[in-house]
């Protein structure tokens, strides 16, 4: 048996991100919840661009005061693309245990414990996103440091191949005739077990106050995720308990950024729990040829992997699971002529 242990690290700098450079600077914010400042920022004032801009909002005679306070007031929005302001940091412990072939049995076990931190958005994470973790305040990306959407804290994989001890040269049926050996010999059982923690979730919100952040705030002392088996906390019509606890979050007020990070470390989607099984039967024909019959099953125990719950805070769908990520059990039969 062989045991390997390794540390793996990676640090990326100047990764491309897209940034809204026309966000309202916090220097113009009022105190948290200041409704008078909200009225001032939303008040209509004479539009200096009237007559110069021919169409749209900025062609009118008046414009909201907050528009004139932005870095590029002559535009309704300005995005700097491929800005080299992103970074990431990855640390991992990788373990492997390998059993070399003996007595017809060989197997390998892998385990990875890792953490991936970044301030990048979906421009650099792509299909691995668990949503679209946008920035609350593009003018200060230091506050956007969090787990990356593709962070996987734990991954465990075990695989084994066992040549059953039947037939010629084995403990049972060592002296079997040729025809008896065709029946009892050449059997092989294979299995793969995969366990993986889910991806961290990012929360949005609806019904926020004017000039509030785009994420909710945490409530002290409240766990983000509910406890118990996933099938008992799907929410909606499936169960009374949702996957995410609404009591753990609150809406931010005007001029308040939501205190929840972009990706929440103690709130992850459902992980992977999967077993693939197969059984082979080898029929020797000649020295260079043998026929192999295979029966293979994927997701052998028909274990569902539920989809991520609703992550928009406050609507009835918040914390409710309504989809499945994997497929039901699949079985396939095959014959191979190996030469």
Protein backbone atom coordinates (compact mmCIF):
# COMPACT_ATOMS: atom_id res chain seq x y z
CA UNK A 1 0.00 0.00 0.00
CA UNK A 2 1.21 3.50 -0.84
CA UNK A 3 0.21 6.76 0.84
CA UNK A 4 0.84 10.15 -0.80
CA UNK A 5 0.30 13.59 0.75
CA UNK A 6 0.74 16.87 -1.09
CA UNK A 7 0.10 20.57 -0.66
CA UNK A 8 -1.07 22.49 -3.72
CA UNK A 9 -1.23 26.28 -3.88
CA UNK A 10 -2.03 28.80 -6.55
CA UNK A 11 -2.24 32.60 -6.58
CA UNK A 12 -3.64 34.57 -9.50
CA UNK A 13 -3.19 38.30 -10.01
CA UNK A 14 -4.58 40.84 -12.47
CA UNK A 15 -7.47 38.59 -13.44
CA UNK A 16 -9.99 40.30 -15.75
CA UNK A 17 -13.24 41.57 -14.26
CA UNK A 18 -15.97 43.88 -15.49
CA UNK A 19 -16.62 46.87 -13.24
CA UNK A 20 -19.41 49.45 -13.18
CA UNK A 21 -17.36 52.63 -12.85
CA UNK A 22 -20.46 54.82 -12.79
CA UNK A 23 -21.68 53.68 -9.37
CA UNK A 24 -22.68 56.46 -7.00
CA UNK A 25 -19.71 57.18 -4.73
CA UNK A 26 -20.40 56.52 -1.05
CA UNK A 27 -19.12 60.04 -0.32
CA UNK A 28 -22.59 61.21 -1.39
CA UNK A 29 -24.46 58.74 0.83
CA UNK A 30 -26.45 59.82 3.85
CA UNK A 31 -26.69 58.14 7.22
CA UNK A 32 -28.16 54.63 7.23
CA UNK A 33 -31.90 54.90 6.74
CA UNK A 34 -31.82 58.67 6.05
CA UNK A 35 -35.04 59.22 4.05
CA UNK A 36 -34.33 62.95 3.62
CA UNK A 37 -31.10 62.19 1.78
CA UNK A 38 -32.98 59.72 -0.42
CA UNK A 39 -35.39 62.50 -1.39
CA UNK A 40 -32.51 64.87 -2.15
CA UNK A 41 -30.76 62.34 -4.41
CA UNK A 42 -33.99 61.52 -6.24
CA UNK A 43 -35.10 65.14 -6.63
CA UNK A 44 -35.41 66.48 -10.18
CA UNK A 45 -33.01 69.30 -11.08
CA UNK A 46 -32.29 71.17 -14.35
CA UNK A 47 -30.56 68.88 -16.83
CA UNK A 48 -27.30 70.35 -18.20
CA UNK A 49 -27.33 67.77 -21.03
CA UNK A 50 -30.75 68.75 -22.37
CA UNK A 51 -30.36 69.69 -26.02
CA UNK A 52 -26.97 67.98 -26.28
CA UNK A 53 -28.37 64.47 -25.73
CA UNK A 54 -31.13 63.90 -28.28
CA UNK A 55 -32.86 60.74 -27.01
CA UNK A 56 -33.59 58.94 -23.77
CA UNK A 57 -33.69 60.06 -20.15
CA UNK A 58 -30.83 62.54 -20.51
CA UNK A 59 -32.65 64.45 -23.26
CA UNK A 60 -35.34 65.69 -20.84
CA UNK A 61 -35.33 69.12 -19.24
CA UNK A 62 -34.78 67.72 -15.75
CA UNK A 63 -32.83 64.83 -14.33
CA UNK A 64 -32.42 63.23 -10.92
CA UNK A 65 -29.77 64.92 -8.78
CA UNK A 66 -27.89 61.64 -8.16
CA UNK A 67 -27.18 61.34 -11.88
CA UNK A 68 -25.08 64.52 -11.83
CA UNK A 69 -22.96 63.20 -8.93
CA UNK A 70 -21.66 60.20 -10.85
CA UNK A 71 -18.23 59.95 -12.43
CA UNK A 72 -19.71 59.94 -15.94
CA UNK A 73 -22.99 61.86 -15.58
CA UNK A 74 -23.39 62.12 -19.36
CA UNK A 75 -24.08 58.35 -19.47
CA UNK A 76 -26.76 56.29 -17.78
CA UNK A 77 -24.15 53.62 -17.13
CA UNK A 78 -20.47 52.99 -17.77
CA UNK A 79 -18.70 49.64 -17.47
CA UNK A 80 -14.97 49.08 -17.73
CA UNK A 81 -14.44 45.69 -19.31
CA UNK A 82 -11.53 43.33 -18.67
CA UNK A 83 -10.19 45.46 -15.86
CA UNK A 84 -7.11 43.63 -14.39
CA UNK A 85 -8.31 43.99 -10.80
CA UNK A 86 -9.21 40.41 -9.95
CA UNK A 87 -7.24 37.92 -7.89
CA UNK A 88 -7.63 34.47 -6.38
CA UNK A 89 -5.85 32.26 -3.86
CA UNK A 90 -6.10 28.46 -3.70
CA UNK A 91 -4.81 26.13 -0.98
CA UNK A 92 -5.34 22.38 -0.90
CA UNK A 93 -4.28 19.27 0.98
CA UNK A 94 -4.36 16.24 -1.29
CA UNK A 95 -4.17 12.68 0.07
CA UNK A 96 -4.04 9.40 -1.80
CA UNK A 97 -4.07 5.81 -0.54
CA UNK A 98 -3.38 3.14 -3.14
CA UNK A 99 -3.59 -0.62 -2.70
CA UNK A 100 -1.57 -2.42 -5.32
CA UNK A 101 -3.05 -5.50 -6.98
CA UNK A 102 -2.99 -8.53 -4.66
CA UNK A 103 -5.42 -11.43 -4.24
CA UNK A 104 -7.33 -10.00 -7.19
CA UNK A 105 -8.10 -6.73 -5.39
CA UNK A 106 -6.82 -3.24 -6.20
CA UNK A 107 -8.14 0.12 -5.09
CA UNK A 108 -7.38 3.81 -4.65
CA UNK A 109 -8.78 6.43 -2.28
CA UNK A 110 -8.44 10.17 -2.94
CA UNK A 111 -9.29 13.05 -0.60
CA UNK A 112 -8.89 16.79 -1.18
CA UNK A 113 -9.46 19.51 1.42
CA UNK A 114 -9.24 22.94 -0.20
CA UNK A 115 -10.26 26.58 -0.18
CA UNK A 116 -10.51 28.97 -3.13
CA UNK A 117 -10.85 32.68 -2.38
CA UNK A 118 -11.31 35.42 -4.97
CA UNK A 119 -12.90 38.75 -5.79
CA UNK A 120 -13.70 37.78 -9.38
CA UNK A 121 -17.14 37.74 -10.96
CA UNK A 122 -18.65 35.34 -13.48
CA UNK A 123 -16.36 36.62 -16.23
CA UNK A 124 -13.62 34.35 -14.86
CA UNK A 125 -15.66 31.56 -13.26
CA UNK A 126 -18.12 30.90 -16.08
CA UNK A 127 -20.14 27.69 -15.97
CA UNK A 128 -19.00 26.94 -12.41
CA UNK A 129 -20.98 29.88 -11.03
CA UNK A 130 -23.64 29.12 -8.45
CA UNK A 131 -25.55 32.10 -9.76
CA UNK A 132 -24.17 35.50 -10.69
CA UNK A 133 -22.32 36.86 -7.65
CA UNK A 134 -22.20 40.52 -8.62
CA UNK A 135 -20.51 43.35 -6.76
CA UNK A 136 -22.40 45.51 -4.29
CA UNK A 137 -20.02 48.43 -4.73
CA UNK A 138 -17.78 48.32 -7.76
CA UNK A 139 -15.60 51.20 -6.61
CA UNK A 140 -14.10 49.14 -3.74
CA UNK A 141 -13.41 45.56 -4.79
CA UNK A 142 -11.54 44.86 -1.54
CA UNK A 143 -14.93 44.43 0.11
CA UNK A 144 -15.84 41.76 -2.47
CA UNK A 145 -13.28 39.20 -1.26
CA UNK A 146 -15.01 35.92 -0.47
CA UNK A 147 -15.04 32.25 -1.37
CA UNK A 148 -15.07 31.70 -5.12
CA UNK A 149 -18.23 30.30 -6.74
CA UNK A 150 -16.29 27.15 -7.67
CA UNK A 151 -14.92 26.48 -4.16
CA UNK A 152 -15.18 22.82 -3.11
CA UNK A 153 -14.16 22.30 0.51
CA UNK A 154 -14.13 18.49 0.52
CA UNK A 155 -13.92 15.87 -2.21
CA UNK A 156 -13.55 12.13 -1.58
CA UNK A 157 -13.34 9.45 -4.27
CA UNK A 158 -12.77 5.73 -3.71
CA UNK A 159 -12.53 3.17 -6.49
CA UNK A 160 -11.90 -0.56 -6.39
CA UNK A 161 -11.62 -3.52 -8.75
CA UNK A 162 -12.06 -7.05 -7.43
CA UNK A 163 -11.47 -10.14 -9.52
CA UNK A 164 -13.65 -12.72 -7.79
CA UNK A 165 -11.66 -15.79 -6.60
CA UNK A 166 -13.51 -18.32 -8.76
CA UNK A 167 -12.14 -20.45 -11.57
CA UNK A 168 -8.78 -21.77 -12.64
CA UNK A 169 -5.86 -20.52 -10.62
CA UNK A 170 -8.11 -19.18 -7.84
CA UNK A 171 -9.04 -20.43 -4.39
CA UNK A 172 -12.39 -21.78 -5.54
CA UNK A 173 -12.41 -23.95 -8.65
CA UNK A 174 -8.64 -24.08 -9.03
CA UNK A 175 -8.84 -27.34 -11.03
CA UNK A 176 -12.10 -26.62 -12.86
CA UNK A 177 -12.52 -28.00 -16.35
CA UNK A 178 -12.46 -25.70 -19.33
CA UNK A 179 -16.25 -25.57 -19.61
CA UNK A 180 -16.76 -25.17 -15.87
CA UNK A 181 -14.19 -22.36 -15.85
CA UNK A 182 -16.14 -20.56 -18.58
CA UNK A 183 -19.09 -20.50 -16.21
CA UNK A 184 -17.56 -19.74 -12.79
CA UNK A 185 -14.33 -17.92 -13.73
CA UNK A 186 -13.59 -14.49 -15.11
CA UNK A 187 -15.96 -12.48 -12.88
CA UNK A 188 -14.94 -8.92 -11.91
CA UNK A 189 -16.74 -6.38 -9.72
CA UNK A 190 -15.96 -2.65 -9.88
CA UNK A 191 -17.15 0.33 -7.87
CA UNK A 192 -16.62 4.09 -7.59
CA UNK A 193 -17.81 6.16 -4.61
CA UNK A 194 -17.85 9.96 -4.99
CA UNK A 195 -18.55 12.35 -2.12
CA UNK A 196 -18.26 16.12 -2.51
CA UNK A 197 -19.42 19.16 -0.57
CA UNK A 198 -21.66 21.61 -2.39
CA UNK A 199 -20.69 24.97 -3.85
CA UNK A 200 -21.14 28.07 -1.65
CA UNK A 201 -24.29 30.05 -2.32
CA UNK A 202 -24.69 33.74 -3.06
CA UNK A 203 -27.81 35.58 -1.99
CA UNK A 204 -29.66 38.38 -3.73
CA UNK A 205 -32.72 40.26 -2.57
CA UNK A 206 -35.87 41.97 -3.76
CA UNK A 207 -37.80 44.85 -2.24
CA UNK A 208 -34.68 46.64 -1.03
CA UNK A 209 -34.78 50.25 0.09
CA UNK A 210 -33.39 52.94 -2.28
CA UNK A 211 -29.58 53.09 -2.31
CA UNK A 212 -29.33 49.86 -0.29
CA UNK A 213 -26.95 47.05 -1.07
CA UNK A 214 -27.80 44.13 -3.35
CA UNK A 215 -27.31 41.46 -0.68
CA UNK A 216 -29.05 40.87 2.67
CA UNK A 217 -27.39 41.29 6.04
CA UNK A 218 -26.82 38.47 8.53
CA UNK A 219 -28.71 38.28 11.81
CA UNK A 220 -26.37 37.54 14.70
CA UNK A 221 -26.83 34.18 16.39
CA UNK A 222 -28.89 32.64 13.57
CA UNK A 223 -27.60 29.75 11.45
CA UNK A 224 -27.86 30.35 7.72
CA UNK A 225 -28.75 26.76 6.84
CA UNK A 226 -31.46 24.71 8.51
CA UNK A 227 -30.57 21.30 9.94
CA UNK A 228 -31.68 17.80 9.09
CA UNK A 229 -31.87 15.60 6.00
CA UNK A 230 -32.21 17.47 2.72
CA UNK A 231 -35.43 15.66 1.83
CA UNK A 232 -37.00 17.08 5.00
CA UNK A 233 -36.12 20.70 4.22
CA UNK A 234 -36.96 21.24 0.58
CA UNK A 235 -39.48 23.93 1.48
CA UNK A 236 -42.59 24.86 -0.48
CA UNK A 237 -45.16 22.10 -0.86
CA UNK A 238 -42.51 19.43 -0.18
CA UNK A 239 -41.84 20.29 3.46
CA UNK A 240 -42.49 23.03 5.97
CA UNK A 241 -38.79 23.69 6.53
CA UNK A 242 -36.81 25.45 3.77
CA UNK A 243 -33.14 24.75 3.02
CA UNK A 244 -32.14 28.30 4.10
CA UNK A 245 -33.37 29.91 7.31
CA UNK A 246 -35.15 33.24 6.58
CA UNK A 247 -34.56 34.26 10.21
CA UNK A 248 -30.81 34.41 9.56
CA UNK A 249 -31.07 37.41 7.21
CA UNK A 250 -32.64 40.85 6.96
CA UNK A 251 -33.04 43.52 4.29
CA UNK A 252 -30.49 46.36 4.37
CA UNK A 253 -31.65 49.94 4.82
CA UNK A 254 -30.94 52.90 2.57
CA UNK A 255 -27.18 53.65 2.36
CA UNK A 256 -26.37 50.28 3.96
CA UNK A 257 -24.55 47.48 2.19
CA UNK A 258 -25.75 43.97 2.97
CA UNK A 259 -23.30 42.35 5.38
CA UNK A 260 -23.57 38.90 3.80
CA UNK A 261 -20.47 38.09 1.70
CA UNK A 262 -20.75 37.41 -2.02
CA UNK A 263 -20.45 33.66 -1.36
CA UNK A 264 -21.44 32.45 2.11
CA UNK A 265 -19.03 29.87 3.63
CA UNK A 266 -21.58 28.29 5.98
CA UNK A 267 -24.29 28.04 3.32
CA UNK A 268 -23.66 25.59 0.51
CA UNK A 269 -25.83 23.86 -2.01
CA UNK A 270 -26.37 20.10 -1.91
CA UNK A 271 -23.22 18.09 -2.51
CA UNK A 272 -22.52 14.88 -4.39
CA UNK A 273 -23.17 11.40 -3.00
CA UNK A 274 -22.88 8.96 -5.87
CA UNK A 275 -22.03 5.28 -6.36
CA UNK A 276 -21.30 3.70 -9.74
CA UNK A 277 -21.20 -0.11 -9.88
CA UNK A 278 -20.42 -2.64 -12.57
CA UNK A 279 -19.86 -6.36 -13.02
CA UNK A 280 -17.84 -7.90 -15.86
CA UNK A 281 -17.69 -11.49 -17.10
CA UNK A 282 -14.67 -12.46 -19.21
CA UNK A 283 -14.81 -15.48 -21.51
CA UNK A 284 -11.37 -16.56 -22.79
CA UNK A 285 -11.52 -17.69 -26.42
CA UNK A 286 -7.89 -17.97 -27.43
CA UNK A 287 -4.67 -16.60 -26.01
CA UNK A 288 -5.09 -13.30 -27.87
CA UNK A 289 -8.89 -13.04 -27.67
CA UNK A 290 -11.54 -12.88 -24.99
CA UNK A 291 -15.15 -11.80 -24.86
CA UNK A 292 -16.29 -9.46 -22.08
CA UNK A 293 -19.91 -8.99 -21.05
CA UNK A 294 -20.52 -5.85 -18.96
CA UNK A 295 -23.40 -4.66 -16.81
CA UNK A 296 -22.86 -1.11 -15.57
CA UNK A 297 -25.04 1.12 -13.44
CA UNK A 298 -24.51 4.86 -12.90
CA UNK A 299 -25.99 6.37 -9.74
CA UNK A 300 -26.40 2.78 -8.64
CA UNK A 301 -28.47 3.53 -5.53
CA UNK A 302 -30.64 6.08 -7.36
CA UNK A 303 -29.65 8.85 -4.95
CA UNK A 304 -31.03 12.26 -5.96
CA UNK A 305 -28.82 15.32 -5.89
CA UNK A 306 -31.18 18.20 -5.37
CA UNK A 307 -30.66 21.54 -7.08
CA UNK A 308 -29.75 24.73 -5.30
CA UNK A 309 -32.58 26.42 -3.36
CA UNK A 310 -34.00 29.83 -4.22
CA UNK A 311 -31.46 32.46 -3.18
CA UNK A 312 -33.43 35.70 -3.59
CA UNK A 313 -34.23 36.91 -0.11
CA UNK A 314 -37.82 37.52 1.00
CA UNK A 315 -40.00 36.07 -1.81
CA UNK A 316 -41.85 32.80 -0.95
CA UNK A 317 -39.37 30.89 -3.10
CA UNK A 318 -36.45 31.84 -0.82
CA UNK A 319 -34.76 28.67 0.43
CA UNK A 320 -37.12 26.42 -1.55
CA UNK A 321 -35.65 23.62 -3.66
CA UNK A 322 -37.42 22.92 -6.94
CA UNK A 323 -35.00 21.00 -9.12
CA UNK A 324 -32.67 18.02 -9.32
CA UNK A 325 -29.09 18.24 -10.60
CA UNK A 326 -28.30 14.61 -11.41
CA UNK A 327 -30.07 11.92 -13.39
CA UNK A 328 -31.85 8.84 -12.02
CA UNK A 329 -30.15 5.46 -12.11
CA UNK A 330 -28.93 4.46 -15.56
CA UNK A 331 -28.10 0.88 -16.51
CA UNK A 332 -26.27 -0.18 -19.63
CA UNK A 333 -25.31 -3.59 -20.99
CA UNK A 334 -22.45 -4.15 -23.39
CA UNK A 335 -20.33 -6.83 -25.03
CA UNK A 336 -16.70 -6.26 -25.98
CA UNK A 337 -14.36 -8.41 -27.99
CA UNK A 338 -10.87 -7.73 -26.73
CA UNK A 339 -7.85 -8.76 -28.76
